[in-house]
């Protein structure tokens, strides 16, 4: 990694980190410069922001607490099979 420019791997790590706490100014500037040039990292950042926004929404809390919202039986079976095969 160049000392003056972040690569995509570094940007994605730091963008994720920035969701938890404020990064130093020089890191925020390097990320912003990278985002101006990279549509993939820009998309990744936007997706993280959307997930964070949804996870904090009252609707998600209602869905999580609503006992009538359940996985369909076929989805439960796929998960059960995946867990069974990963533990083998």
PDB file of N, CA and C in Angstrom:
ATOM      1  N   UNK A   1       0.847  -1.190   0.000  1.00  0.00           N
ATOM      2  CA  UNK A   1       0.000   0.000   0.000  1.00  0.00           C
ATOM      3  C   UNK A   1       0.881   1.239   0.000  1.00  0.00           C
ATOM      4  N   UNK A   2       0.585   2.148  -0.879  1.00  0.00           N
ATOM      5  CA  UNK A   2       1.307   3.409  -0.916  1.00  0.00           C
ATOM      6  C   UNK A   2       0.937   4.233   0.314  1.00  0.00           C
ATOM      7  N   UNK A   3       1.861   5.006   0.796  1.00  0.00           N
ATOM      8  CA  UNK A   3       1.592   5.802   2.003  1.00  0.00           C
ATOM      9  C   UNK A   3       0.606   6.924   1.746  1.00  0.00           C
ATOM     10  N   UNK A   4       0.369   7.276   0.501  1.00  0.00           N
ATOM     11  CA  UNK A   4      -0.536   8.389   0.214  1.00  0.00           C
ATOM     12  C   UNK A   4      -1.844   7.953  -0.434  1.00  0.00           C
ATOM     13  N   UNK A   5      -2.031   6.648  -0.636  1.00  0.00           N
ATOM     14  CA  UNK A   5      -3.264   6.201  -1.260  1.00  0.00           C
ATOM     15  C   UNK A   5      -3.667   4.842  -0.709  1.00  0.00           C
ATOM     16  N   UNK A   6      -4.956   4.680  -0.391  1.00  0.00           N
ATOM     17  CA  UNK A   6      -5.475   3.398   0.080  1.00  0.00           C
ATOM     18  C   UNK A   6      -5.908   2.561  -1.118  1.00  0.00           C
ATOM     19  N   UNK A   7      -5.735   1.242  -1.017  1.00  0.00           N
ATOM     20  CA  UNK A   7      -6.288   0.348  -2.035  1.00  0.00           C
ATOM     21  C   UNK A   7      -7.712  -0.040  -1.617  1.00  0.00           C
ATOM     22  N   UNK A   8      -8.399  -0.792  -2.476  1.00  0.00           N
ATOM     23  CA  UNK A   8      -9.798  -1.145  -2.212  1.00  0.00           C
ATOM     24  C   UNK A   8      -9.956  -1.931  -0.910  1.00  0.00           C
ATOM     25  N   UNK A   9      -9.063  -2.848  -0.654  1.00  0.00           N
ATOM     26  CA  UNK A   9      -9.147  -3.657   0.569  1.00  0.00           C
ATOM     27  C   UNK A   9      -9.045  -2.764   1.806  1.00  0.00           C
ATOM     28  N   UNK A  10      -8.119  -1.839   1.773  1.00  0.00           N
ATOM     29  CA  UNK A  10      -7.931  -0.932   2.902  1.00  0.00           C
ATOM     30  C   UNK A  10      -9.126   0.013   3.057  1.00  0.00           C
ATOM     31  N   UNK A  11      -9.644   0.503   1.946  1.00  0.00           N
ATOM     32  CA  UNK A  11     -10.803   1.405   2.000  1.00  0.00           C
ATOM     33  C   UNK A  11     -12.011   0.678   2.574  1.00  0.00           C
ATOM     34  N   UNK A  12     -12.262  -0.535   2.121  1.00  0.00           N
ATOM     35  CA  UNK A  12     -13.432  -1.253   2.638  1.00  0.00           C
ATOM     36  C   UNK A  12     -13.296  -1.513   4.138  1.00  0.00           C
ATOM     37  N   UNK A  13     -12.095  -1.838   4.581  1.00  0.00           N
ATOM     38  CA  UNK A  13     -11.875  -2.059   6.016  1.00  0.00           C
ATOM     39  C   UNK A  13     -12.115  -0.777   6.808  1.00  0.00           C
ATOM     40  N   UNK A  14     -11.568   0.307   6.297  1.00  0.00           N
ATOM     41  CA  UNK A  14     -11.701   1.575   7.027  1.00  0.00           C
ATOM     42  C   UNK A  14     -13.101   2.173   6.945  1.00  0.00           C
ATOM     43  N   UNK A  15     -13.782   1.975   5.838  1.00  0.00           N
ATOM     44  CA  UNK A  15     -15.172   2.433   5.742  1.00  0.00           C
ATOM     45  C   UNK A  15     -16.012   1.699   6.782  1.00  0.00           C
ATOM     46  N   UNK A  16     -15.796   0.401   6.896  1.00  0.00           N
ATOM     47  CA  UNK A  16     -16.513  -0.373   7.902  1.00  0.00           C
ATOM     48  C   UNK A  16     -16.158   0.112   9.305  1.00  0.00           C
ATOM     49  N   UNK A  17     -14.892   0.344   9.536  1.00  0.00           N
ATOM     50  CA  UNK A  17     -14.422   0.847  10.830  1.00  0.00           C
ATOM     51  C   UNK A  17     -15.036   2.206  11.144  1.00  0.00           C
ATOM     52  N   UNK A  18     -15.222   3.032  10.117  1.00  0.00           N
ATOM     53  CA  UNK A  18     -15.765   4.373  10.332  1.00  0.00           C
ATOM     54  C   UNK A  18     -17.217   4.348  10.797  1.00  0.00           C
ATOM     55  N   UNK A  19     -17.885   3.214  10.634  1.00  0.00           N
ATOM     56  CA  UNK A  19     -19.257   3.090  11.114  1.00  0.00           C
ATOM     57  C   UNK A  19     -19.294   3.016  12.643  1.00  0.00           C
ATOM     58  N   UNK A  20     -18.173   2.607  13.237  1.00  0.00           N
ATOM     59  CA  UNK A  20     -18.107   2.454  14.689  1.00  0.00           C
ATOM     60  C   UNK A  20     -17.519   3.661  15.395  1.00  0.00           C
ATOM     61  N   UNK A  21     -16.560   4.320  14.757  1.00  0.00           N
ATOM     62  CA  UNK A  21     -15.976   5.506  15.372  1.00  0.00           C
ATOM     63  C   UNK A  21     -15.374   6.421  14.310  1.00  0.00           C
ATOM     64  N   UNK A  22     -15.147   7.652  14.693  1.00  0.00           N
ATOM     65  CA  UNK A  22     -14.629   8.657  13.762  1.00  0.00           C
ATOM     66  C   UNK A  22     -13.153   8.405  13.479  1.00  0.00           C
ATOM     67  N   UNK A  23     -12.819   8.395  12.197  1.00  0.00           N
ATOM     68  CA  UNK A  23     -11.430   8.184  11.785  1.00  0.00           C
ATOM     69  C   UNK A  23     -10.672   9.508  11.791  1.00  0.00           C
ATOM     70  N   UNK A  24      -9.356   9.446  11.866  1.00  0.00           N
ATOM     71  CA  UNK A  24      -8.555  10.673  11.772  1.00  0.00           C
ATOM     72  C   UNK A  24      -8.789  11.361  10.421  1.00  0.00           C
ATOM     73  N   UNK A  25      -8.594  12.655  10.397  1.00  0.00           N
ATOM     74  CA  UNK A  25      -8.856  13.460   9.209  1.00  0.00           C
ATOM     75  C   UNK A  25      -8.098  12.948   7.988  1.00  0.00           C
ATOM     76  N   UNK A  26      -6.819  12.616   8.125  1.00  0.00           N
ATOM     77  CA  UNK A  26      -6.048  12.184   6.962  1.00  0.00           C
ATOM     78  C   UNK A  26      -6.615  10.890   6.378  1.00  0.00           C
ATOM     79  N   UNK A  27      -7.128   9.992   7.224  1.00  0.00           N
ATOM     80  CA  UNK A  27      -7.737   8.759   6.721  1.00  0.00           C
ATOM     81  C   UNK A  27      -9.047   9.052   6.002  1.00  0.00           C
ATOM     82  N   UNK A  28      -9.846   9.944   6.565  1.00  0.00           N
ATOM     83  CA  UNK A  28     -11.100  10.317   5.907  1.00  0.00           C
ATOM     84  C   UNK A  28     -10.831  10.947   4.545  1.00  0.00           C
ATOM     85  N   UNK A  29      -9.774  11.746   4.455  1.00  0.00           N
ATOM     86  CA  UNK A  29      -9.429  12.383   3.182  1.00  0.00           C
ATOM     87  C   UNK A  29      -8.967  11.343   2.158  1.00  0.00           C
ATOM     88  N   UNK A  30      -8.152  10.390   2.597  1.00  0.00           N
ATOM     89  CA  UNK A  30      -7.679   9.347   1.685  1.00  0.00           C
ATOM     90  C   UNK A  30      -8.832   8.476   1.204  1.00  0.00           C
ATOM     91  N   UNK A  31      -9.750   8.182   2.088  1.00  0.00           N
ATOM     92  CA  UNK A  31     -10.930   7.404   1.704  1.00  0.00           C
ATOM     93  C   UNK A  31     -11.756   8.177   0.689  1.00  0.00           C
ATOM     94  N   UNK A  32     -11.979   9.448   0.955  1.00  0.00           N
ATOM     95  CA  UNK A  32     -12.782  10.271   0.047  1.00  0.00           C
ATOM     96  C   UNK A  32     -12.145  10.342  -1.341  1.00  0.00           C
ATOM     97  N   UNK A  33     -10.822  10.493  -1.381  1.00  0.00           N
ATOM     98  CA  UNK A  33     -10.122  10.521  -2.670  1.00  0.00           C
ATOM     99  C   UNK A  33     -10.330   9.204  -3.413  1.00  0.00           C
ATOM    100  N   UNK A  34     -10.203   8.112  -2.703  1.00  0.00           N
ATOM    101  CA  UNK A  34     -10.386   6.796  -3.329  1.00  0.00           C
ATOM    102  C   UNK A  34     -11.817   6.642  -3.841  1.00  0.00           C
ATOM    103  N   UNK A  35     -12.791   7.064  -3.034  1.00  0.00           N
ATOM    104  CA  UNK A  35     -14.192   6.926  -3.419  1.00  0.00           C
ATOM    105  C   UNK A  35     -14.524   7.740  -4.663  1.00  0.00           C
ATOM    106  N   UNK A  36     -13.831   8.834  -4.871  1.00  0.00           N
ATOM    107  CA  UNK A  36     -14.048   9.637  -6.071  1.00  0.00           C
ATOM    108  C   UNK A  36     -13.646   8.873  -7.337  1.00  0.00           C
ATOM    109  N   UNK A  37     -12.740   7.935  -7.186  1.00  0.00           N
ATOM    110  CA  UNK A  37     -12.225   7.201  -8.340  1.00  0.00           C
ATOM    111  C   UNK A  37     -12.773   5.785  -8.466  1.00  0.00           C
ATOM    112  N   UNK A  38     -13.337   5.235  -7.403  1.00  0.00           N
ATOM    113  CA  UNK A  38     -13.685   3.808  -7.393  1.00  0.00           C
ATOM    114  C   UNK A  38     -15.184   3.610  -7.168  1.00  0.00           C
ATOM    115  N   UNK A  39     -15.875   3.174  -8.210  1.00  0.00           N
ATOM    116  CA  UNK A  39     -17.320   2.970  -8.080  1.00  0.00           C
ATOM    117  C   UNK A  39     -17.651   1.767  -7.201  1.00  0.00           C
ATOM    118  N   UNK A  40     -16.752   0.791  -7.130  1.00  0.00           N
ATOM    119  CA  UNK A  40     -17.018  -0.400  -6.335  1.00  0.00           C
ATOM    120  C   UNK A  40     -16.978  -0.094  -4.838  1.00  0.00           C
ATOM    121  N   UNK A  41     -15.985   0.646  -4.417  1.00  0.00           N
ATOM    122  CA  UNK A  41     -15.907   1.025  -3.000  1.00  0.00           C
ATOM    123  C   UNK A  41     -17.018   1.995  -2.631  1.00  0.00           C
ATOM    124  N   UNK A  42     -17.390   2.857  -3.570  1.00  0.00           N
ATOM    125  CA  UNK A  42     -18.507   3.774  -3.338  1.00  0.00           C
ATOM    126  C   UNK A  42     -19.786   2.976  -3.131  1.00  0.00           C
ATOM    127  N   UNK A  43     -19.983   1.952  -3.948  1.00  0.00           N
ATOM    128  CA  UNK A  43     -21.159   1.091  -3.816  1.00  0.00           C
ATOM    129  C   UNK A  43     -21.131   0.344  -2.484  1.00  0.00           C
ATOM    130  N   UNK A  44     -19.956  -0.158  -2.111  1.00  0.00           N
ATOM    131  CA  UNK A  44     -19.818  -0.877  -0.843  1.00  0.00           C
ATOM    132  C   UNK A  44     -20.189   0.046   0.322  1.00  0.00           C
ATOM    133  N   UNK A  45     -19.683   1.268   0.307  1.00  0.00           N
ATOM    134  CA  UNK A  45     -19.983   2.226   1.376  1.00  0.00           C
ATOM    135  C   UNK A  45     -21.489   2.510   1.443  1.00  0.00           C
ATOM    136  N   UNK A  46     -22.095   2.712   0.273  1.00  0.00           N
ATOM    137  CA  UNK A  46     -23.527   2.996   0.232  1.00  0.00           C
ATOM    138  C   UNK A  46     -24.325   1.811   0.785  1.00  0.00           C
ATOM    139  N   UNK A  47     -23.912   0.584   0.454  1.00  0.00           N
ATOM    140  CA  UNK A  47     -24.596  -0.597   0.968  1.00  0.00           C
ATOM    141  C   UNK A  47     -24.464  -0.709   2.483  1.00  0.00           C
ATOM    142  N   UNK A  48     -23.279  -0.419   3.005  1.00  0.00           N
ATOM    143  CA  UNK A  48     -23.103  -0.432   4.466  1.00  0.00           C
ATOM    144  C   UNK A  48     -24.012   0.587   5.141  1.00  0.00           C
ATOM    145  N   UNK A  49     -24.083   1.780   4.557  1.00  0.00           N
ATOM    146  CA  UNK A  49     -24.941   2.821   5.132  1.00  0.00           C
ATOM    147  C   UNK A  49     -26.408   2.406   5.104  1.00  0.00           C
ATOM    148  N   UNK A  50     -26.834   1.775   4.018  1.00  0.00           N
ATOM    149  CA  UNK A  50     -28.221   1.317   3.933  1.00  0.00           C
ATOM    150  C   UNK A  50     -28.516   0.231   4.963  1.00  0.00           C
ATOM    151  N   UNK A  51     -27.578  -0.706   5.118  1.00  0.00           N
ATOM    152  CA  UNK A  51     -27.779  -1.764   6.117  1.00  0.00           C
ATOM    153  C   UNK A  51     -27.833  -1.178   7.521  1.00  0.00           C
ATOM    154  N   UNK A  52     -26.971  -0.218   7.794  1.00  0.00           N
ATOM    155  CA  UNK A  52     -26.978   0.398   9.129  1.00  0.00           C
ATOM    156  C   UNK A  52     -28.287   1.138   9.362  1.00  0.00           C
ATOM    157  N   UNK A  53     -28.739   1.868   8.332  1.00  0.00           N
ATOM    158  CA  UNK A  53     -29.992   2.609   8.452  1.00  0.00           C
ATOM    159  C   UNK A  53     -31.161   1.653   8.696  1.00  0.00           C
ATOM    160  N   UNK A  54     -31.207   0.563   7.933  1.00  0.00           N
ATOM    161  CA  UNK A  54     -32.302  -0.391   8.116  1.00  0.00           C
ATOM    162  C   UNK A  54     -32.231  -1.069   9.480  1.00  0.00           C
ATOM    163  N   UNK A  55     -31.030  -1.417   9.896  1.00  0.00           N
ATOM    164  CA  UNK A  55     -30.910  -2.131  11.175  1.00  0.00           C
ATOM    165  C   UNK A  55     -31.318  -1.261  12.358  1.00  0.00           C
ATOM    166  N   UNK A  56     -31.280   0.036  12.179  1.00  0.00           N
ATOM    167  CA  UNK A  56     -31.685   0.954  13.248  1.00  0.00           C
ATOM    168  C   UNK A  56     -33.139   1.399  13.123  1.00  0.00           C
ATOM    169  N   UNK A  57     -33.820   0.941  12.082  1.00  0.00           N
ATOM    170  CA  UNK A  57     -35.184   1.408  11.840  1.00  0.00           C
ATOM    171  C   UNK A  57     -36.170   0.739  12.792  1.00  0.00           C
ATOM    172  N   UNK A  58     -37.230   1.442  13.120  1.00  0.00           N
ATOM    173  CA  UNK A  58     -38.268   0.850  13.973  1.00  0.00           C
ATOM    174  C   UNK A  58     -38.913  -0.378  13.317  1.00  0.00           C
ATOM    175  N   UNK A  59     -38.998  -0.385  11.975  1.00  0.00           N
ATOM    176  CA  UNK A  59     -39.605  -1.520  11.278  1.00  0.00           C
ATOM    177  C   UNK A  59     -38.818  -2.793  11.524  1.00  0.00           C
ATOM    178  N   UNK A  60     -37.506  -2.723  11.510  1.00  0.00           N
ATOM    179  CA  UNK A  60     -36.703  -3.922  11.756  1.00  0.00           C
ATOM    180  C   UNK A  60     -36.941  -4.428  13.173  1.00  0.00           C
ATOM    181  N   UNK A  61     -37.026  -3.507  14.120  1.00  0.00           N
ATOM    182  CA  UNK A  61     -37.277  -3.911  15.505  1.00  0.00           C
ATOM    183  C   UNK A  61     -38.625  -4.613  15.613  1.00  0.00           C
ATOM    184  N   UNK A  62     -39.632  -4.083  14.913  1.00  0.00           N
ATOM    185  CA  UNK A  62     -40.952  -4.726  14.929  1.00  0.00           C
ATOM    186  C   UNK A  62     -40.887  -6.112  14.305  1.00  0.00           C
ATOM    187  N   UNK A  63     -40.192  -6.231  13.166  1.00  0.00           N
ATOM    188  CA  UNK A  63     -40.067  -7.530  12.499  1.00  0.00           C
ATOM    189  C   UNK A  63     -39.358  -8.536  13.400  1.00  0.00           C
ATOM    190  N   UNK A  64     -38.341  -8.078  14.084  1.00  0.00           N
ATOM    191  CA  UNK A  64     -37.557  -8.965  14.942  1.00  0.00           C
ATOM    192  C   UNK A  64     -38.369  -9.463  16.132  1.00  0.00           C
ATOM    193  N   UNK A  65     -39.203  -8.585  16.677  1.00  0.00           N
ATOM    194  CA  UNK A  65     -39.970  -8.933  17.867  1.00  0.00           C
ATOM    195  C   UNK A  65     -41.313  -9.589  17.558  1.00  0.00           C
ATOM    196  N   UNK A  66     -41.749  -9.551  16.313  1.00  0.00           N
ATOM    197  CA  UNK A  66     -43.036 -10.107  15.932  1.00  0.00           C
ATOM    198  C   UNK A  66     -42.943 -11.631  15.832  1.00  0.00           C
ATOM    199  N   UNK A  67     -43.644 -12.364  16.693  1.00  0.00           N
ATOM    200  CA  UNK A  67     -43.546 -13.833  16.669  1.00  0.00           C
ATOM    201  C   UNK A  67     -44.170 -14.457  15.427  1.00  0.00           C
ATOM    202  N   UNK A  68     -44.973 -13.699  14.682  1.00  0.00           N
ATOM    203  CA  UNK A  68     -45.583 -14.257  13.474  1.00  0.00           C
ATOM    204  C   UNK A  68     -44.630 -14.235  12.283  1.00  0.00           C
ATOM    205  N   UNK A  69     -43.522 -13.500  12.397  1.00  0.00           N
ATOM    206  CA  UNK A  69     -42.534 -13.462  11.318  1.00  0.00           C
ATOM    207  C   UNK A  69     -41.586 -14.633  11.537  1.00  0.00           C
ATOM    208  N   UNK A  70     -41.717 -15.636  10.690  1.00  0.00           N
ATOM    209  CA  UNK A  70     -40.907 -16.846  10.831  1.00  0.00           C
ATOM    210  C   UNK A  70     -40.323 -17.228   9.478  1.00  0.00           C
ATOM    211  N   UNK A  71     -39.281 -18.031   9.527  1.00  0.00           N
ATOM    212  CA  UNK A  71     -38.703 -18.556   8.293  1.00  0.00           C
ATOM    213  C   UNK A  71     -39.610 -19.631   7.725  1.00  0.00           C
ATOM    214  N   UNK A  72     -39.738 -19.676   6.413  1.00  0.00           N
ATOM    215  CA  UNK A  72     -40.488 -20.785   5.808  1.00  0.00           C
ATOM    216  C   UNK A  72     -39.788 -22.111   6.113  1.00  0.00           C
ATOM    217  N   UNK A  73     -40.532 -23.196   6.158  1.00  0.00           N
ATOM    218  CA  UNK A  73     -39.933 -24.501   6.494  1.00  0.00           C
ATOM    219  C   UNK A  73     -38.767 -24.892   5.581  1.00  0.00           C
ATOM    220  N   UNK A  74     -38.851 -24.583   4.268  1.00  0.00           N
ATOM    221  CA  UNK A  74     -37.762 -24.959   3.363  1.00  0.00           C
ATOM    222  C   UNK A  74     -36.485 -24.176   3.681  1.00  0.00           C
ATOM    223  N   UNK A  75     -36.631 -22.919   4.094  1.00  0.00           N
ATOM    224  CA  UNK A  75     -35.464 -22.124   4.470  1.00  0.00           C
ATOM    225  C   UNK A  75     -34.832 -22.680   5.742  1.00  0.00           C
ATOM    226  N   UNK A  76     -35.672 -23.057   6.701  1.00  0.00           N
ATOM    227  CA  UNK A  76     -35.146 -23.658   7.930  1.00  0.00           C
ATOM    228  C   UNK A  76     -34.390 -24.945   7.651  1.00  0.00           C
ATOM    229  N   UNK A  77     -34.917 -25.749   6.723  1.00  0.00           N
ATOM    230  CA  UNK A  77     -34.252 -27.013   6.380  1.00  0.00           C
ATOM    231  C   UNK A  77     -32.907 -26.763   5.695  1.00  0.00           C
ATOM    232  N   UNK A  78     -32.850 -25.774   4.799  1.00  0.00           N
ATOM    233  CA  UNK A  78     -31.574 -25.435   4.138  1.00  0.00           C
ATOM    234  C   UNK A  78     -30.543 -24.991   5.160  1.00  0.00           C
ATOM    235  N   UNK A  79     -30.961 -24.192   6.129  1.00  0.00           N
ATOM    236  CA  UNK A  79     -30.042 -23.736   7.173  1.00  0.00           C
ATOM    237  C   UNK A  79     -29.584 -24.920   8.012  1.00  0.00           C
ATOM    238  N   UNK A  80     -30.518 -25.780   8.382  1.00  0.00           N
ATOM    239  CA  UNK A  80     -30.182 -26.969   9.177  1.00  0.00           C
ATOM    240  C   UNK A  80     -29.152 -27.828   8.434  1.00  0.00           C
ATOM    241  N   UNK A  81     -29.374 -28.047   7.142  1.00  0.00           N
ATOM    242  CA  UNK A  81     -28.447 -28.857   6.349  1.00  0.00           C
ATOM    243  C   UNK A  81     -27.082 -28.192   6.230  1.00  0.00           C
ATOM    244  N   UNK A  82     -27.056 -26.884   6.048  1.00  0.00           N
ATOM    245  CA  UNK A  82     -25.786 -26.161   5.936  1.00  0.00           C
ATOM    246  C   UNK A  82     -25.011 -26.235   7.246  1.00  0.00           C
ATOM    247  N   UNK A  83     -25.706 -26.097   8.364  1.00  0.00           N
ATOM    248  CA  UNK A  83     -25.036 -26.198   9.666  1.00  0.00           C
ATOM    249  C   UNK A  83     -24.524 -27.612   9.905  1.00  0.00           C
ATOM    250  N   UNK A  84     -25.316 -28.584   9.510  1.00  0.00           N
ATOM    251  CA  UNK A  84     -24.925 -29.981   9.691  1.00  0.00           C
ATOM    252  C   UNK A  84     -23.686 -30.309   8.859  1.00  0.00           C
ATOM    253  N   UNK A  85     -23.661 -29.838   7.607  1.00  0.00           N
ATOM    254  CA  UNK A  85     -22.515 -30.134   6.747  1.00  0.00           C
ATOM    255  C   UNK A  85     -21.269 -29.353   7.151  1.00  0.00           C
ATOM    256  N   UNK A  86     -21.434 -28.173   7.735  1.00  0.00           N
ATOM    257  CA  UNK A  86     -20.262 -27.384   8.145  1.00  0.00           C
ATOM    258  C   UNK A  86     -19.652 -27.910   9.447  1.00  0.00           C
ATOM    259  N   UNK A  87     -20.450 -28.600  10.250  1.00  0.00           N
ATOM    260  CA  UNK A  87     -19.924 -29.146  11.496  1.00  0.00           C
ATOM    261  C   UNK A  87     -19.280 -30.512  11.304  1.00  0.00           C
ATOM    262  N   UNK A  88     -19.470 -31.099  10.140  1.00  0.00           N
ATOM    263  CA  UNK A  88     -18.882 -32.434   9.860  1.00  0.00           C
ATOM    264  C   UNK A  88     -17.423 -32.341   9.496  1.00  0.00           C
TER     265      UNK A  88
END
